Amino acid sequence: GRFTISRDNAKNTVSLQMNSLKPDDTAVYYCAAGGYVSDY
């Protein structure tokens, strides 16, 4: 309800829109890619 993930395949990018941020959201954020993922 606060974050939204999206991708642009043509540009090979993925984004994470983060709204209503809280202090508990403080962290290092990592992007990851998988060839096939059954459990995200």
PDB file of all heavy atoms in Angstrom:
ATOM      1  N   GLY A   1       0.791  -1.214   0.000  1.00  0.00           N
ATOM      2  CA  GLY A   1       0.000   0.000   0.000  1.00  0.00           C
ATOM      3  C   GLY A   1       0.827   1.269   0.000  1.00  0.00           C
ATOM      4  O   GLY A   1       0.286   2.359  -0.243  1.00  0.00           O
ATOM      5  N   ARG A   2       2.122   1.144   0.270  1.00  0.00           N
ATOM      6  CA  ARG A   2       3.015   2.306   0.302  1.00  0.00           C
ATOM      7  C   ARG A   2       4.055   2.267  -0.814  1.00  0.00           C
ATOM      8  O   ARG A   2       4.432   3.311  -1.341  1.00  0.00           O
ATOM      9  CB  ARG A   2       3.734   2.398   1.647  1.00  0.00           C
ATOM     10  CG  ARG A   2       2.794   2.550   2.837  1.00  0.00           C
ATOM     11  CD  ARG A   2       3.574   2.846   4.114  1.00  0.00           C
ATOM     12  NE  ARG A   2       4.466   1.741   4.474  1.00  0.00           N
ATOM     13  CZ  ARG A   2       5.790   1.861   4.593  1.00  0.00           C
ATOM     14  NH1 ARG A   2       6.377   3.024   4.378  1.00  0.00           N
ATOM     15  NH2 ARG A   2       6.530   0.813   4.945  1.00  0.00           N
ATOM     16  N   PHE A   3       4.526   1.078  -1.158  1.00  0.00           N
ATOM     17  CA  PHE A   3       5.559   0.913  -2.177  1.00  0.00           C
ATOM     18  C   PHE A   3       4.954   0.333  -3.448  1.00  0.00           C
ATOM     19  O   PHE A   3       4.009  -0.462  -3.389  1.00  0.00           O
ATOM     20  CB  PHE A   3       6.669  -0.023  -1.688  1.00  0.00           C
ATOM     21  CG  PHE A   3       7.530   0.521  -0.582  1.00  0.00           C
ATOM     22  CD1 PHE A   3       7.203   1.686   0.085  1.00  0.00           C
ATOM     23  CD2 PHE A   3       8.679  -0.153  -0.212  1.00  0.00           C
ATOM     24  CE1 PHE A   3       7.994   2.178   1.105  1.00  0.00           C
ATOM     25  CE2 PHE A   3       9.483   0.329   0.806  1.00  0.00           C
ATOM     26  CZ  PHE A   3       9.144   1.489   1.471  1.00  0.00           C
ATOM     27  N   THR A   4       5.525   0.697  -4.584  1.00  0.00           N
ATOM     28  CA  THR A   4       5.097   0.167  -5.870  1.00  0.00           C
ATOM     29  C   THR A   4       6.319  -0.189  -6.707  1.00  0.00           C
ATOM     30  O   THR A   4       7.188   0.656  -6.923  1.00  0.00           O
ATOM     31  CB  THR A   4       4.231   1.168  -6.644  1.00  0.00           C
ATOM     32  OG1 THR A   4       3.084   1.530  -5.861  1.00  0.00           O
ATOM     33  CG2 THR A   4       3.751   0.554  -7.954  1.00  0.00           C
ATOM     34  N   ILE A   5       6.376  -1.434  -7.170  1.00  0.00           N
ATOM     35  CA  ILE A   5       7.462  -1.862  -8.038  1.00  0.00           C
ATOM     36  C   ILE A   5       6.965  -1.860  -9.483  1.00  0.00           C
ATOM     37  O   ILE A   5       5.816  -2.200  -9.757  1.00  0.00           O
ATOM     38  CB  ILE A   5       7.985  -3.253  -7.641  1.00  0.00           C
ATOM     39  CG1 ILE A   5       9.241  -3.615  -8.440  1.00  0.00           C
ATOM     40  CG2 ILE A   5       6.913  -4.326  -7.804  1.00  0.00           C
ATOM     41  CD1 ILE A   5       9.928  -4.886  -7.957  1.00  0.00           C
ATOM     42  N   SER A   6       7.830  -1.468 -10.396  1.00  0.00           N
ATOM     43  CA  SER A   6       7.490  -1.453 -11.809  1.00  0.00           C
ATOM     44  C   SER A   6       8.741  -1.719 -12.627  1.00  0.00           C
ATOM     45  O   SER A   6       9.861  -1.615 -12.121  1.00  0.00           O
ATOM     46  CB  SER A   6       6.858  -0.116 -12.213  1.00  0.00           C
ATOM     47  OG  SER A   6       7.763   0.956 -12.001  1.00  0.00           O
ATOM     48  N   ARG A   7       8.547  -2.077 -13.886  1.00  0.00           N
ATOM     49  CA  ARG A   7       9.690  -2.336 -14.755  1.00  0.00           C
ATOM     50  C   ARG A   7       9.447  -1.775 -16.136  1.00  0.00           C
ATOM     51  O   ARG A   7       8.320  -1.643 -16.599  1.00  0.00           O
ATOM     52  CB  ARG A   7       9.986  -3.839 -14.827  1.00  0.00           C
ATOM     53  CG  ARG A   7       8.944  -4.668 -15.569  1.00  0.00           C
ATOM     54  CD  ARG A   7       9.208  -6.157 -15.402  1.00  0.00           C
ATOM     55  NE  ARG A   7      10.544  -6.528 -15.852  1.00  0.00           N
ATOM     56  CZ  ARG A   7      11.146  -7.667 -15.526  1.00  0.00           C
ATOM     57  NH1 ARG A   7      10.543  -8.540 -14.726  1.00  0.00           N
ATOM     58  NH2 ARG A   7      12.361  -7.923 -15.987  1.00  0.00           N
ATOM     59  N   ASP A   8      10.545  -1.444 -16.793  1.00  0.00           N
ATOM     60  CA  ASP A   8      10.529  -0.989 -18.172  1.00  0.00           C
ATOM     61  C   ASP A   8      11.481  -1.904 -18.927  1.00  0.00           C
ATOM     62  O   ASP A   8      12.697  -1.709 -18.898  1.00  0.00           O
ATOM     63  CB  ASP A   8      10.959   0.470 -18.276  1.00  0.00           C
ATOM     64  CG  ASP A   8      10.786   1.034 -19.673  1.00  0.00           C
ATOM     65  OD1 ASP A   8      10.814   0.266 -20.646  1.00  0.00           O
ATOM     66  OD2 ASP A   8      10.620   2.269 -19.786  1.00  0.00           O
ATOM     67  N   ASN A   9      10.932  -2.909 -19.580  1.00  0.00           N
ATOM     68  CA  ASN A   9      11.767  -3.902 -20.258  1.00  0.00           C
ATOM     69  C   ASN A   9      12.585  -3.308 -21.393  1.00  0.00           C
ATOM     70  O   ASN A   9      13.698  -3.760 -21.666  1.00  0.00           O
ATOM     71  CB  ASN A   9      10.895  -5.042 -20.781  1.00  0.00           C
ATOM     72  CG  ASN A   9      10.310  -5.881 -19.672  1.00  0.00           C
ATOM     73  OD1 ASN A   9      10.959  -6.119 -18.650  1.00  0.00           O
ATOM     74  ND2 ASN A   9       9.093  -6.354 -19.861  1.00  0.00           N
ATOM     75  N   ALA A  10      12.039  -2.311 -22.067  1.00  0.00           N
ATOM     76  CA  ALA A  10      12.756  -1.683 -23.163  1.00  0.00           C
ATOM     77  C   ALA A  10      14.016  -0.982 -22.678  1.00  0.00           C
ATOM     78  O   ALA A  10      15.011  -0.902 -23.400  1.00  0.00           O
ATOM     79  CB  ALA A  10      11.853  -0.701 -23.899  1.00  0.00           C
ATOM     80  N   LYS A  11      13.982  -0.462 -21.460  1.00  0.00           N
ATOM     81  CA  LYS A  11      15.121   0.250 -20.899  1.00  0.00           C
ATOM     82  C   LYS A  11      15.933  -0.601 -19.924  1.00  0.00           C
ATOM     83  O   LYS A  11      16.927  -0.124 -19.377  1.00  0.00           O
ATOM     84  CB  LYS A  11      14.650   1.518 -20.196  1.00  0.00           C
ATOM     85  CG  LYS A  11      13.964   2.517 -21.117  1.00  0.00           C
ATOM     86  CD  LYS A  11      13.515   3.755 -20.359  1.00  0.00           C
ATOM     87  CE  LYS A  11      12.847   4.755 -21.276  1.00  0.00           C
ATOM     88  NZ  LYS A  11      12.390   5.967 -20.542  1.00  0.00           N
ATOM     89  N   ASN A  12      15.501  -1.827 -19.701  1.00  0.00           N
ATOM     90  CA  ASN A  12      16.182  -2.733 -18.768  1.00  0.00           C
ATOM     91  C   ASN A  12      16.319  -2.110 -17.380  1.00  0.00           C
ATOM     92  O   ASN A  12      17.391  -2.127 -16.772  1.00  0.00           O
ATOM     93  CB  ASN A  12      17.558  -3.125 -19.308  1.00  0.00           C
ATOM     94  CG  ASN A  12      17.469  -3.966 -20.559  1.00  0.00           C
ATOM     95  OD1 ASN A  12      16.646  -4.877 -20.650  1.00  0.00           O
ATOM     96  ND2 ASN A  12      18.322  -3.678 -21.528  1.00  0.00           N
ATOM     97  N   THR A  13      15.227  -1.568 -16.899  1.00  0.00           N
ATOM     98  CA  THR A  13      15.231  -0.957 -15.581  1.00  0.00           C
ATOM     99  C   THR A  13      14.038  -1.438 -14.763  1.00  0.00           C
ATOM    100  O   THR A  13      13.008  -1.820 -15.305  1.00  0.00           O
ATOM    101  CB  THR A  13      15.184   0.576 -15.654  1.00  0.00           C
ATOM    102  OG1 THR A  13      13.996   0.984 -16.345  1.00  0.00           O
ATOM    103  CG2 THR A  13      16.397   1.122 -16.382  1.00  0.00           C
ATOM    104  N   VAL A  14      14.208  -1.402 -13.470  1.00  0.00           N
ATOM    105  CA  VAL A  14      13.127  -1.676 -12.540  1.00  0.00           C
ATOM    106  C   VAL A  14      13.167  -0.596 -11.471  1.00  0.00           C
ATOM    107  O   VAL A  14      14.249  -0.162 -11.060  1.00  0.00           O
ATOM    108  CB  VAL A  14      13.245  -3.086 -11.924  1.00  0.00           C
ATOM    109  CG1 VAL A  14      14.538  -3.226 -11.127  1.00  0.00           C
ATOM    110  CG2 VAL A  14      12.041  -3.398 -11.049  1.00  0.00           C
ATOM    111  N   SER A  15      12.000  -0.145 -11.045  1.00  0.00           N
ATOM    112  CA  SER A  15      11.918   0.951 -10.094  1.00  0.00           C
ATOM    113  C   SER A  15      11.124   0.550  -8.873  1.00  0.00           C
ATOM    114  O   SER A  15      10.322  -0.382  -8.905  1.00  0.00           O
ATOM    115  CB  SER A  15      11.278   2.181 -10.745  1.00  0.00           C
ATOM    116  OG  SER A  15      12.043   2.647 -11.830  1.00  0.00           O
ATOM    117  N   LEU A  16      11.357   1.270  -7.796  1.00  0.00           N
ATOM    118  CA  LEU A  16      10.603   1.090  -6.563  1.00  0.00           C
ATOM    119  C   LEU A  16      10.186   2.466  -6.073  1.00  0.00           C
ATOM    120  O   LEU A  16      11.023   3.238  -5.601  1.00  0.00           O
ATOM    121  CB  LEU A  16      11.435   0.370  -5.502  1.00  0.00           C
ATOM    122  CG  LEU A  16      10.703   0.057  -4.196  1.00  0.00           C
ATOM    123  CD1 LEU A  16       9.637  -1.006  -4.438  1.00  0.00           C
ATOM    124  CD2 LEU A  16      11.680  -0.410  -3.125  1.00  0.00           C
ATOM    125  N   GLN A  17       8.907   2.767  -6.222  1.00  0.00           N
ATOM    126  CA  GLN A  17       8.360   4.015  -5.718  1.00  0.00           C
ATOM    127  C   GLN A  17       7.972   3.815  -4.265  1.00  0.00           C
ATOM    128  O   GLN A  17       7.164   2.943  -3.947  1.00  0.00           O
ATOM    129  CB  GLN A  17       7.144   4.442  -6.539  1.00  0.00           C
ATOM    130  CG  GLN A  17       6.477   5.717  -6.054  1.00  0.00           C
ATOM    131  CD  GLN A  17       7.352   6.935  -6.210  1.00  0.00           C
ATOM    132  OE1 GLN A  17       7.955   7.134  -7.251  1.00  0.00           O
ATOM    133  NE2 GLN A  17       7.439   7.745  -5.164  1.00  0.00           N
ATOM    134  N   MET A  18       8.531   4.623  -3.381  1.00  0.00           N
ATOM    135  CA  MET A  18       8.305   4.484  -1.952  1.00  0.00           C
ATOM    136  C   MET A  18       7.619   5.736  -1.434  1.00  0.00           C
ATOM    137  O   MET A  18       8.185   6.829  -1.481  1.00  0.00           O
ATOM    138  CB  MET A  18       9.623   4.250  -1.211  1.00  0.00           C
ATOM    139  CG  MET A  18      10.420   3.066  -1.741  1.00  0.00           C
ATOM    140  SD  MET A  18      11.918   2.731  -0.764  1.00  0.00           S
ATOM    141  CE  MET A  18      12.844   4.230  -1.111  1.00  0.00           C
ATOM    142  N   ASN A  19       6.408   5.571  -0.944  1.00  0.00           N
ATOM    143  CA  ASN A  19       5.633   6.673  -0.395  1.00  0.00           C
ATOM    144  C   ASN A  19       5.377   6.445   1.092  1.00  0.00           C
ATOM    145  O   ASN A  19       5.511   5.338   1.596  1.00  0.00           O
ATOM    146  CB  ASN A  19       4.296   6.813  -1.129  1.00  0.00           C
ATOM    147  CG  ASN A  19       4.457   7.120  -2.596  1.00  0.00           C
ATOM    148  OD1 ASN A  19       5.382   7.823  -3.007  1.00  0.00           O
ATOM    149  ND2 ASN A  19       3.536   6.604  -3.408  1.00  0.00           N
ATOM    150  N   SER A  20       4.993   7.508   1.770  1.00  0.00           N
ATOM    151  CA  SER A  20       4.679   7.438   3.199  1.00  0.00           C
ATOM    152  C   SER A  20       5.780   6.731   3.971  1.00  0.00           C
ATOM    153  O   SER A  20       5.532   5.834   4.782  1.00  0.00           O
ATOM    154  CB  SER A  20       3.335   6.733   3.411  1.00  0.00           C
ATOM    155  OG  SER A  20       2.292   7.410   2.742  1.00  0.00           O
ATOM    156  N   LEU A  21       6.996   7.143   3.733  1.00  0.00           N
ATOM    157  CA  LEU A  21       8.146   6.482   4.342  1.00  0.00           C
ATOM    158  C   LEU A  21       8.157   6.649   5.858  1.00  0.00           C
ATOM    159  O   LEU A  21       7.766   7.685   6.390  1.00  0.00           O
ATOM    160  CB  LEU A  21       9.435   7.020   3.744  1.00  0.00           C
ATOM    161  CG  LEU A  21       9.744   6.498   2.340  1.00  0.00           C
ATOM    162  CD1 LEU A  21      10.786   7.373   1.657  1.00  0.00           C
ATOM    163  CD2 LEU A  21      10.228   5.050   2.414  1.00  0.00           C
ATOM    164  N   LYS A  22       8.626   5.607   6.522  1.00  0.00           N
ATOM    165  CA  LYS A  22       8.722   5.567   7.971  1.00  0.00           C
ATOM    166  C   LYS A  22      10.180   5.377   8.379  1.00  0.00           C
ATOM    167  O   LYS A  22      10.979   4.863   7.602  1.00  0.00           O
ATOM    168  CB  LYS A  22       7.887   4.408   8.526  1.00  0.00           C
ATOM    169  CG  LYS A  22       6.442   4.388   8.066  1.00  0.00           C
ATOM    170  CD  LYS A  22       5.750   3.121   8.550  1.00  0.00           C
ATOM    171  CE  LYS A  22       4.318   3.057   8.086  1.00  0.00           C
ATOM    172  NZ  LYS A  22       3.650   1.813   8.547  1.00  0.00           N
ATOM    173  N   PRO A  23      10.536   5.766   9.604  1.00  0.00           N
ATOM    174  CA  PRO A  23      11.905   5.511  10.071  1.00  0.00           C
ATOM    175  C   PRO A  23      12.308   4.047   9.974  1.00  0.00           C
ATOM    176  O   PRO A  23      13.477   3.747   9.723  1.00  0.00           O
ATOM    177  CB  PRO A  23      11.866   5.988  11.525  1.00  0.00           C
ATOM    178  CG  PRO A  23      10.845   7.072  11.520  1.00  0.00           C
ATOM    179  CD  PRO A  23       9.781   6.591  10.563  1.00  0.00           C
ATOM    180  N   ASP A  24      11.352   3.132  10.134  1.00  0.00           N
ATOM    181  CA  ASP A  24      11.644   1.705  10.032  1.00  0.00           C
ATOM    182  C   ASP A  24      12.015   1.280   8.617  1.00  0.00           C
ATOM    183  O   ASP A  24      12.502   0.171   8.415  1.00  0.00           O
ATOM    184  CB  ASP A  24      10.449   0.879  10.513  1.00  0.00           C
ATOM    185  CG  ASP A  24      10.280   0.896  12.018  1.00  0.00           C
ATOM    186  OD1 ASP A  24      11.213   1.334  12.716  1.00  0.00           O
ATOM    187  OD2 ASP A  24       9.214   0.471  12.503  1.00  0.00           O
ATOM    188  N   ASP A  25      11.787   2.138   7.639  1.00  0.00           N
ATOM    189  CA  ASP A  25      12.176   1.843   6.270  1.00  0.00           C
ATOM    190  C   ASP A  25      13.658   2.113   6.025  1.00  0.00           C
ATOM    191  O   ASP A  25      14.169   1.793   4.948  1.00  0.00           O
ATOM    192  CB  ASP A  25      11.347   2.664   5.279  1.00  0.00           C
ATOM    193  CG  ASP A  25       9.880   2.288   5.293  1.00  0.00           C
ATOM    194  OD1 ASP A  25       9.570   1.079   5.380  1.00  0.00           O
ATOM    195  OD2 ASP A  25       9.034   3.199   5.207  1.00  0.00           O
ATOM    196  N   THR A  26      14.331   2.710   6.988  1.00  0.00           N
ATOM    197  CA  THR A  26      15.753   3.000   6.851  1.00  0.00           C
ATOM    198  C   THR A  26      16.539   1.713   6.665  1.00  0.00           C
ATOM    199  O   THR A  26      16.464   0.802   7.490  1.00  0.00           O
ATOM    200  CB  THR A  26      16.273   3.754   8.077  1.00  0.00           C
ATOM    201  OG1 THR A  26      15.636   5.031   8.155  1.00  0.00           O
ATOM    202  CG2 THR A  26      17.776   3.956   7.991  1.00  0.00           C
ATOM    203  N   ALA A  27      17.278   1.631   5.574  1.00  0.00           N
ATOM    204  CA  ALA A  27      18.034   0.424   5.253  1.00  0.00           C
ATOM    205  C   ALA A  27      18.825   0.648   3.976  1.00  0.00           C
ATOM    206  O   ALA A  27      18.631   1.646   3.272  1.00  0.00           O
ATOM    207  CB  ALA A  27      17.092  -0.764   5.072  1.00  0.00           C
ATOM    208  N   VAL A  28      19.701  -0.293   3.683  1.00  0.00           N
ATOM    209  CA  VAL A  28      20.326  -0.360   2.374  1.00  0.00           C
ATOM    210  C   VAL A  28      19.420  -1.206   1.499  1.00  0.00           C
ATOM    211  O   VAL A  28      19.081  -2.333   1.859  1.00  0.00           O
ATOM    212  CB  VAL A  28      21.736  -0.967   2.432  1.00  0.00           C
ATOM    213  CG1 VAL A  28      22.309  -1.121   1.026  1.00  0.00           C
ATOM    214  CG2 VAL A  28      22.649  -0.101   3.287  1.00  0.00           C
ATOM    215  N   TYR A  29      19.032  -0.679   0.355  1.00  0.00           N
ATOM    216  CA  TYR A  29      18.125  -1.362  -0.542  1.00  0.00           C
ATOM    217  C   TYR A  29      18.892  -1.984  -1.695  1.00  0.00           C
ATOM    218  O   TYR A  29      19.705  -1.322  -2.342  1.00  0.00           O
ATOM    219  CB  TYR A  29      17.064  -0.393  -1.073  1.00  0.00           C
ATOM    220  CG  TYR A  29      15.995  -0.084  -0.049  1.00  0.00           C
ATOM    221  CD1 TYR A  29      16.276   0.685   1.068  1.00  0.00           C
ATOM    222  CD2 TYR A  29      14.703  -0.592  -0.196  1.00  0.00           C
ATOM    223  CE1 TYR A  29      15.306   0.947   2.022  1.00  0.00           C
ATOM    224  CE2 TYR A  29      13.727  -0.329   0.750  1.00  0.00           C
ATOM    225  CZ  TYR A  29      14.034   0.442   1.859  1.00  0.00           C
ATOM    226  OH  TYR A  29      13.059   0.700   2.798  1.00  0.00           O
ATOM    227  N   TYR A  30      18.612  -3.253  -1.950  1.00  0.00           N
ATOM    228  CA  TYR A  30      19.310  -4.011  -2.978  1.00  0.00           C
ATOM    229  C   TYR A  30      18.358  -4.453  -4.072  1.00  0.00           C
ATOM    230  O   TYR A  30      17.249  -4.909  -3.794  1.00  0.00           O
ATOM    231  CB  TYR A  30      19.964  -5.262  -2.386  1.00  0.00           C
ATOM    232  CG  TYR A  30      21.021  -4.989  -1.354  1.00  0.00           C
ATOM    233  CD1 TYR A  30      20.698  -4.898  -0.007  1.00  0.00           C
ATOM    234  CD2 TYR A  30      22.351  -4.834  -1.734  1.00  0.00           C
ATOM    235  CE1 TYR A  30      21.667  -4.652   0.946  1.00  0.00           C
ATOM    236  CE2 TYR A  30      23.330  -4.589  -0.785  1.00  0.00           C
ATOM    237  CZ  TYR A  30      22.976  -4.506   0.554  1.00  0.00           C
ATOM    238  OH  TYR A  30      23.944  -4.271   1.499  1.00  0.00           O
ATOM    239  N   CYS A  31      18.815  -4.343  -5.291  1.00  0.00           N
ATOM    240  CA  CYS A  31      18.103  -4.856  -6.446  1.00  0.00           C
ATOM    241  C   CYS A  31      18.625  -6.248  -6.767  1.00  0.00           C
ATOM    242  O   CYS A  31      19.821  -6.516  -6.637  1.00  0.00           O
ATOM    243  CB  CYS A  31      18.304  -3.916  -7.636  1.00  0.00           C
ATOM    244  SG  CYS A  31      17.569  -4.465  -9.187  1.00  0.00           S
ATOM    245  N   ALA A  32      17.741  -7.156  -7.169  1.00  0.00           N
ATOM    246  CA  ALA A  32      18.132  -8.522  -7.490  1.00  0.00           C
ATOM    247  C   ALA A  32      17.396  -9.012  -8.727  1.00  0.00           C
ATOM    248  O   ALA A  32      16.277  -8.578  -9.011  1.00  0.00           O
ATOM    249  CB  ALA A  32      17.844  -9.451  -6.304  1.00  0.00           C
ATOM    250  N   ALA A  33      18.031  -9.937  -9.445  1.00  0.00           N
ATOM    251  CA  ALA A  33      17.447 -10.515 -10.654  1.00  0.00           C
ATOM    252  C   ALA A  33      17.585 -12.026 -10.622  1.00  0.00           C
ATOM    253  O   ALA A  33      18.608 -12.551 -10.179  1.00  0.00           O
ATOM    254  CB  ALA A  33      18.120  -9.956 -11.905  1.00  0.00           C
ATOM    255  N   GLY A  34      16.568 -12.723 -11.113  1.00  0.00           N
ATOM    256  CA  GLY A  34      16.589 -14.176 -11.165  1.00  0.00           C
ATOM    257  C   GLY A  34      16.088 -14.687 -12.495  1.00  0.00           C
ATOM    258  O   GLY A  34      15.156 -14.125 -13.076  1.00  0.00           O
ATOM    259  N   GLY A  35      16.718 -15.762 -12.987  1.00  0.00           N
ATOM    260  CA  GLY A  35      16.289 -16.346 -14.247  1.00  0.00           C
ATOM    261  C   GLY A  35      14.896 -16.936 -14.162  1.00  0.00           C
ATOM    262  O   GLY A  35      14.087 -16.803 -15.068  1.00  0.00           O
ATOM    263  N   TYR A  36      14.633 -17.599 -13.075  1.00  0.00           N
ATOM    264  CA  TYR A  36      13.312 -18.136 -12.789  1.00  0.00           C
ATOM    265  C   TYR A  36      13.138 -18.180 -11.279  1.00  0.00           C
ATOM    266  O   TYR A  36      13.942 -18.798 -10.578  1.00  0.00           O
ATOM    267  CB  TYR A  36      13.123 -19.533 -13.376  1.00  0.00           C
ATOM    268  CG  TYR A  36      11.727 -20.077 -13.182  1.00  0.00           C
ATOM    269  CD1 TYR A  36      10.701 -19.725 -14.041  1.00  0.00           C
ATOM    270  CD2 TYR A  36      11.438 -20.926 -12.112  1.00  0.00           C
ATOM    271  CE1 TYR A  36       9.413 -20.201 -13.853  1.00  0.00           C
ATOM    272  CE2 TYR A  36      10.161 -21.401 -11.912  1.00  0.00           C
ATOM    273  CZ  TYR A  36       9.140 -21.039 -12.788  1.00  0.00           C
ATOM    274  OH  TYR A  36       7.864 -21.517 -12.588  1.00  0.00           O
ATOM    275  N   VAL A  37      12.115 -17.535 -10.801  1.00  0.00           N
ATOM    276  CA  VAL A  37      11.849 -17.452  -9.373  1.00  0.00           C
ATOM    277  C   VAL A  37      10.452 -17.986  -9.093  1.00  0.00           C
ATOM    278  O   VAL A  37       9.472 -17.477  -9.635  1.00  0.00           O
ATOM    279  CB  VAL A  37      11.986 -16.006  -8.863  1.00  0.00           C
ATOM    280  CG1 VAL A  37      11.616 -15.925  -7.384  1.00  0.00           C
ATOM    281  CG2 VAL A  37      13.397 -15.491  -9.087  1.00  0.00           C
ATOM    282  N   SER A  38      10.385 -19.002  -8.250  1.00  0.00           N
ATOM    283  CA  SER A  38       9.097 -19.580  -7.882  1.00  0.00           C
ATOM    284  C   SER A  38       8.535 -18.950  -6.612  1.00  0.00           C
ATOM    285  O   SER A  38       7.323 -18.850  -6.454  1.00  0.00           O
ATOM    286  CB  SER A  38       9.222 -21.088  -7.698  1.00  0.00           C
ATOM    287  OG  SER A  38      10.163 -21.414  -6.695  1.00  0.00           O
ATOM    288  N   ASP A  39       9.408 -18.550  -5.708  1.00  0.00           N
ATOM    289  CA  ASP A  39       9.021 -17.876  -4.476  1.00  0.00           C
ATOM    290  C   ASP A  39       9.844 -16.604  -4.379  1.00  0.00           C
ATOM    291  O   ASP A  39      11.042 -16.655  -4.093  1.00  0.00           O
ATOM    292  CB  ASP A  39       9.254 -18.771  -3.267  1.00  0.00           C
ATOM    293  CG  ASP A  39       8.696 -18.183  -1.980  1.00  0.00           C
ATOM    294  OD1 ASP A  39       8.523 -16.951  -1.903  1.00  0.00           O
ATOM    295  OD2 ASP A  39       8.422 -18.947  -1.042  1.00  0.00           O
ATOM    296  N   TYR A  40       9.210 -15.481  -4.599  1.00  0.00           N
ATOM    297  CA  TYR A  40       9.925 -14.218  -4.702  1.00  0.00           C
ATOM    298  C   TYR A  40      10.532 -13.755  -3.391  1.00  0.00           C
ATOM    299  O   TYR A  40      11.380 -12.862  -3.397  1.00  0.00           O
ATOM    300  CB  TYR A  40       8.988 -13.149  -5.269  1.00  0.00           C
ATOM    301  CG  TYR A  40       8.554 -13.445  -6.674  1.00  0.00           C
ATOM    302  CD1 TYR A  40       7.377 -14.142  -6.932  1.00  0.00           C
ATOM    303  CD2 TYR A  40       9.339 -13.050  -7.758  1.00  0.00           C
ATOM    304  CE1 TYR A  40       6.990 -14.431  -8.227  1.00  0.00           C
ATOM    305  CE2 TYR A  40       8.956 -13.341  -9.054  1.00  0.00           C
ATOM    306  CZ  TYR A  40       7.781 -14.034  -9.286  1.00  0.00           C
ATOM    307  OH  TYR A  40       7.410 -14.323 -10.578  1.00  0.00           O
TER     308      TYR A  40
END
